Amino acid sequence: MRARMLTLVMLAVPALWAQEPETKGPAATAEPKLYVVPEGTKVPLQLINSVSTKTAQVGDRVYLQSNFPVLSGGRIVIPPGSYVTGTVTKVMRGGKVKGKAELYVRFDSLTLPNGVTRDFRASLGGLDGSNPGKLDKTEGRVEGEGNKAGDAMKVGEAAAWGTMIGGVAARTGTGAGIGAAAGAAAGLVGILMTRGPDAILERGSTVEMQLDRSLKFTDVELEGINGAGGRGPAVMPAGNGQSGSKRPWPGSE
C-alpha cells in the first residue's frame, strides 16, 4: 500500500510542475504618459526675421523661437529655444488716400530642440509694445498706424514755404496769401502721392502664438528636453533646401 502511494505521488509531481504559470519572458510594457498643451494656450515667441508690408509677399516664411517654457503636468513640454515657422497669408499696403496697411500671418509648425515636430494652424494672439500698429485678435491681422499728424505736418510745412516764397516775390500780403495757398496745395498733392505707414513685425520683438488645437506629446517624445533653455545653435528645418544643414538660423549667431 505504501509503495503504491509513493508511486502516485511521484507521478503527480511532474503534472503539478507542468501546471505552473510561465514566469519567464519580457515584462509587460507600460503605457507612455501623455502631456497635453490645451487649445487656446498662448506661447510667447521671439521673431528671428522682420516682416513688413513694404517688402513681404504672400507665401513668405516667418521664423520664430520660443523664449519662455510652457508646462503640462508639472513638466516642461515646450522649452525655450523651440522653433516655430509661419507663413504670410495676406499683405495690403497703406492706401495713398485712405486705408491702413494690413499684414496677416499664420503659424504652421513647432519643432522641439530634440527634433520632435507638430504641424498645426495657429494665429497671432498678442504683440508687445515695441511693434508699431495694432492687432485684431479675431482675424490675426496686424494693422499699420495712421499718419494724420504726419499729413498735417506736410501741409503746414509746404504752406509755410509757400508763404515765404510768395511774400518775397510780391512783397505784399496778397502775394504771401497766394504763396500759402499754393504751398498747401502742393503739400496735399504730396500726401496723395505717398502711402500710409507700413505694418511691421520687428525682428527681436515678442509676439504670442495662440494654439487653435491641443498639442499632445508622450514622455518618450520629451526625453532630453526637460529643463532645456537658452538659444543654442539652430538648424534650418527640412523643406527649405537645407535638409540636414547645420547653418545657423538668421539672428542666432
Protein backbone atom coordinates (compact mmCIF):
# COMPACT_ATOMS: atom_id res chain seq x y z
CA MET A 1 0.00 0.00 0.00
CA ARG A 2 2.78 2.36 0.97
CA ALA A 3 4.64 1.62 -2.24
CA ARG A 4 1.51 2.35 -4.24
CA MET A 5 1.03 5.77 -2.58
CA LEU A 6 4.67 6.69 -3.23
CA THR A 7 4.23 5.82 -6.90
CA LEU A 8 1.12 8.02 -7.18
CA VAL A 9 2.96 10.97 -5.58
CA MET A 10 5.92 10.61 -7.92
CA LEU A 11 3.55 10.62 -10.91
CA ALA A 12 1.64 13.73 -9.66
CA VAL A 13 4.70 15.97 -9.07
CA PRO A 14 5.62 16.41 -12.80
CA ALA A 15 1.97 17.18 -13.57
CA LEU A 16 1.94 19.98 -10.96
CA TRP A 17 5.16 21.41 -12.35
CA ALA A 18 3.61 21.45 -15.83
CA GLN A 19 0.66 23.47 -14.49
CA GLU A 20 2.83 26.26 -13.04
CA PRO A 21 2.40 29.57 -15.00
CA GLU A 22 5.15 30.69 -17.31
CA THR A 23 7.21 33.35 -15.50
CA LYS A 24 9.95 33.86 -18.00
CA GLY A 25 9.83 36.28 -20.96
CA PRO A 26 9.64 40.10 -21.35
CA ALA A 27 7.69 42.09 -18.79
CA ALA A 28 4.53 43.91 -19.88
CA THR A 29 5.32 47.31 -21.45
CA ALA A 30 3.92 50.31 -19.56
CA GLU A 31 1.71 52.75 -21.44
CA PRO A 32 3.54 56.02 -22.31
CA LYS A 33 2.47 59.05 -20.29
CA LEU A 34 0.70 61.75 -22.26
CA TYR A 35 1.24 65.51 -21.84
CA VAL A 36 -1.26 67.92 -23.37
CA VAL A 37 -0.92 71.63 -24.17
CA PRO A 38 -4.59 72.68 -24.41
CA GLU A 39 -6.24 74.65 -27.20
CA GLY A 40 -6.10 78.39 -26.61
CA THR A 41 -2.68 78.31 -24.91
CA LYS A 42 -0.56 81.36 -25.74
CA VAL A 43 3.11 80.64 -26.46
CA PRO A 44 5.48 83.67 -26.37
CA LEU A 45 7.80 83.78 -29.36
CA GLN A 46 10.66 85.99 -30.50
CA LEU A 47 10.92 86.96 -34.15
CA ILE A 48 14.12 85.87 -35.88
CA ASN A 49 13.36 87.81 -39.07
CA SER A 50 11.37 91.01 -39.51
CA VAL A 51 8.24 91.20 -41.68
CA SER A 52 6.88 94.36 -43.31
CA THR A 53 4.11 95.10 -45.77
CA LYS A 54 6.71 97.12 -47.71
CA THR A 55 8.59 94.02 -48.86
CA ALA A 56 6.60 90.95 -47.78
CA GLN A 57 4.69 88.78 -50.25
CA VAL A 58 2.08 86.10 -49.74
CA GLY A 59 3.83 82.80 -49.02
CA ASP A 60 6.92 84.34 -47.39
CA ARG A 61 8.17 82.39 -44.38
CA VAL A 62 8.35 83.76 -40.86
CA TYR A 63 10.84 82.26 -38.38
CA LEU A 64 10.45 82.49 -34.62
CA GLN A 65 11.82 80.95 -31.43
CA SER A 66 10.10 80.37 -28.09
CA ASN A 67 11.53 82.36 -25.20
CA PHE A 68 9.52 81.07 -22.21
CA PRO A 69 8.71 77.49 -21.12
CA VAL A 70 5.23 76.00 -21.46
CA LEU A 71 4.37 73.30 -18.91
CA SER A 72 1.90 70.43 -18.73
CA GLY A 73 1.51 68.07 -15.80
CA GLY A 74 4.41 69.73 -13.96
CA ARG A 75 6.82 69.07 -16.82
CA ILE A 76 8.28 71.42 -19.44
CA VAL A 77 6.69 70.45 -22.73
CA ILE A 78 7.69 73.39 -24.95
CA PRO A 79 11.07 74.63 -23.69
CA PRO A 80 12.76 77.92 -24.60
CA GLY A 81 14.62 77.50 -27.85
CA SER A 82 11.83 75.62 -29.65
CA TYR A 83 11.36 76.71 -33.26
CA VAL A 84 8.16 77.90 -34.91
CA THR A 85 7.62 78.59 -38.59
CA GLY A 86 4.86 80.73 -40.02
CA THR A 87 3.58 81.99 -43.35
CA VAL A 88 2.49 85.42 -44.60
CA THR A 89 -1.05 84.83 -45.88
CA LYS A 90 -2.09 88.36 -46.91
CA VAL A 91 -0.38 91.73 -47.47
CA MET A 92 -2.03 95.11 -48.04
CA ARG A 93 -0.02 98.30 -48.41
CA GLY A 94 -1.30 101.51 -46.86
CA GLY A 95 -3.53 103.49 -49.25
CA LYS A 96 -2.41 106.77 -50.85
CA VAL A 97 -5.71 108.43 -49.90
CA LYS A 98 -7.18 106.17 -47.23
CA GLY A 99 -6.77 102.69 -45.81
CA LYS A 100 -4.16 101.35 -43.41
CA ALA A 101 -1.58 98.70 -44.15
CA GLU A 102 -2.55 95.15 -43.15
CA LEU A 103 -0.44 92.05 -42.57
CA TYR A 104 -1.76 88.54 -41.92
CA VAL A 105 0.48 85.80 -40.50
CA ARG A 106 -0.35 82.14 -39.83
CA PHE A 107 1.76 79.78 -37.68
CA ASP A 108 2.34 76.33 -39.21
CA SER A 109 4.66 74.14 -37.16
CA LEU A 110 6.54 73.72 -33.89
CA THR A 111 9.86 71.89 -33.60
CA LEU A 112 11.25 70.99 -30.16
CA PRO A 113 15.03 71.12 -29.59
CA ASN A 114 15.20 67.31 -29.86
CA GLY A 115 13.62 67.38 -33.34
CA VAL A 116 10.06 66.32 -32.48
CA THR A 117 7.69 68.32 -34.72
CA ARG A 118 3.99 69.13 -34.71
CA ASP A 119 2.12 70.66 -37.63
CA PHE A 120 -0.90 72.83 -36.86
CA ARG A 121 -2.55 76.15 -37.68
CA ALA A 122 -2.36 78.95 -35.11
CA SER A 123 -2.84 82.71 -35.16
CA LEU A 124 -1.34 85.81 -33.56
CA GLY A 125 -2.65 86.26 -30.03
CA GLY A 126 -0.68 89.32 -28.93
CA LEU A 127 2.05 91.86 -29.72
CA ASP A 128 4.48 93.58 -27.39
CA GLY A 129 4.77 97.35 -27.17
CA SER A 130 7.80 97.58 -29.45
CA ASN A 131 5.75 96.61 -32.50
CA PRO A 132 4.08 99.56 -34.26
CA GLY A 133 0.42 99.33 -35.19
CA LYS A 134 -2.23 97.21 -33.55
CA LEU A 135 -3.50 93.63 -33.63
CA ASP A 136 -7.00 92.46 -34.47
CA LYS A 137 -7.11 89.20 -32.49
CA THR A 138 -10.31 87.96 -34.11
CA GLU A 139 -8.65 87.84 -37.54
CA GLY A 140 -4.96 87.67 -36.59
CA ARG A 141 -4.36 90.88 -38.52
CA VAL A 142 -1.59 93.39 -37.84
CA GLU A 143 -2.72 96.87 -38.86
CA GLY A 144 -0.34 99.73 -39.59
CA GLU A 145 -0.63 103.05 -37.82
CA GLY A 146 -2.43 106.04 -39.30
CA ASN A 147 -0.44 109.14 -40.22
CA LYS A 148 -2.85 112.08 -39.78
CA ALA A 149 -0.30 114.04 -37.73
CA GLY A 150 2.35 113.50 -40.39
CA ASP A 151 -0.04 114.55 -43.15
CA ALA A 152 -0.95 117.77 -41.33
CA MET A 153 2.74 118.49 -40.81
CA LYS A 154 3.44 118.08 -44.53
CA VAL A 155 0.65 120.52 -45.44
CA GLY A 156 1.82 123.02 -42.78
CA GLU A 157 5.43 122.87 -43.89
CA ALA A 158 4.52 123.30 -47.55
CA ALA A 159 2.21 126.23 -46.73
CA ALA A 160 4.96 127.90 -44.69
CA TRP A 161 7.42 127.60 -47.55
CA GLY A 162 4.80 128.91 -49.95
CA THR A 163 4.09 131.91 -47.72
CA MET A 164 7.76 132.77 -47.50
CA ILE A 165 8.35 132.42 -51.25
CA GLY A 166 5.16 134.33 -52.12
CA GLY A 167 5.99 137.15 -49.72
CA VAL A 168 9.47 137.55 -51.11
CA ALA A 169 8.20 137.53 -54.67
CA ALA A 170 5.35 140.01 -54.25
CA ARG A 171 6.37 141.95 -51.14
CA THR A 172 2.67 142.22 -50.33
CA GLY A 173 0.22 140.43 -48.09
CA THR A 174 -1.63 139.21 -51.17
CA GLY A 175 1.47 137.56 -52.51
CA ALA A 176 2.06 135.83 -49.19
CA GLY A 177 -1.53 134.57 -49.16
CA ILE A 178 -1.29 133.23 -52.67
CA GLY A 179 2.01 131.56 -51.80
CA ALA A 180 0.49 129.93 -48.72
CA ALA A 181 -2.43 128.54 -50.72
CA ALA A 182 -0.11 127.23 -53.41
CA GLY A 183 2.16 125.67 -50.80
CA ALA A 184 -0.77 123.97 -49.05
CA ALA A 185 -1.98 122.60 -52.37
CA ALA A 186 1.50 121.28 -53.11
CA GLY A 187 1.61 119.64 -49.68
CA LEU A 188 -1.77 117.99 -50.29
CA VAL A 189 -0.56 116.64 -53.64
CA GLY A 190 2.48 115.21 -51.87
CA ILE A 191 0.23 113.42 -49.39
CA LEU A 192 -1.93 111.94 -52.15
CA MET A 193 1.20 110.54 -53.77
CA THR A 194 2.50 108.95 -50.55
CA ARG A 195 1.36 105.67 -48.99
CA GLY A 196 0.49 105.35 -45.32
CA PRO A 197 2.86 103.72 -42.78
CA ASP A 198 3.62 100.02 -43.28
CA ALA A 199 2.55 97.29 -40.88
CA ILE A 200 5.70 95.79 -39.38
CA LEU A 201 6.69 92.90 -37.13
CA GLU A 202 10.13 93.89 -35.88
CA ARG A 203 12.99 91.38 -35.65
CA GLY A 204 13.71 90.56 -31.99
CA SER A 205 10.28 91.66 -30.78
CA THR A 206 7.92 89.29 -28.97
CA VAL A 207 4.59 88.02 -30.26
CA GLU A 208 2.17 85.47 -28.84
CA MET A 209 1.06 82.40 -30.77
CA GLN A 210 -2.42 81.21 -29.76
CA LEU A 211 -3.00 77.50 -30.41
CA ASP A 212 -6.19 76.60 -32.25
CA ARG A 213 -5.94 72.96 -31.17
CA SER A 214 -4.33 70.94 -28.39
CA LEU A 215 -0.80 69.59 -28.81
CA LYS A 216 -0.06 66.14 -27.38
CA PHE A 217 3.34 64.67 -26.55
CA THR A 218 4.37 61.39 -24.91
CA ASP A 219 7.09 61.19 -22.29
CA VAL A 220 9.21 59.33 -24.87
CA GLU A 221 8.98 62.30 -27.26
CA LEU A 222 10.01 64.67 -24.47
CA GLU A 223 13.16 62.79 -23.50
CA GLY A 224 16.21 65.03 -23.28
CA ILE A 225 14.41 68.37 -23.34
CA ASN A 226 13.05 68.84 -19.82
CA GLY A 227 14.66 71.96 -18.40
CA ALA A 228 16.29 72.85 -21.73
CA GLY A 229 16.79 76.53 -22.34
CA GLY A 230 18.87 79.18 -23.99
CA ARG A 231 19.48 79.90 -27.63
CA GLY A 232 21.87 77.29 -28.84
CA PRO A 233 22.87 76.77 -32.45
CA ALA A 234 19.76 76.29 -34.53
CA VAL A 235 19.31 74.10 -37.59
CA MET A 236 17.15 75.18 -40.50
CA PRO A 237 14.16 72.82 -40.88
CA ALA A 238 13.79 70.45 -43.79
CA GLY A 239 11.80 71.66 -46.75
CA ASN A 240 13.81 74.84 -47.33
CA GLY A 241 16.53 73.33 -49.45
CA GLN A 242 18.70 72.91 -46.35
CA SER A 243 17.85 69.35 -45.27
CA GLY A 244 20.43 68.24 -42.74
CA SER A 245 22.17 71.61 -42.86
CA LYS A 246 23.94 72.91 -39.77
CA ARG A 247 23.75 76.51 -40.98
CA PRO A 248 22.54 78.73 -38.13
CA TRP A 249 19.19 80.44 -38.24
CA PRO A 250 19.24 84.12 -39.09
CA GLY A 251 19.89 86.04 -35.88
CA SER A 252 21.04 83.02 -33.86
CA GLU A 253 24.77 83.62 -34.35
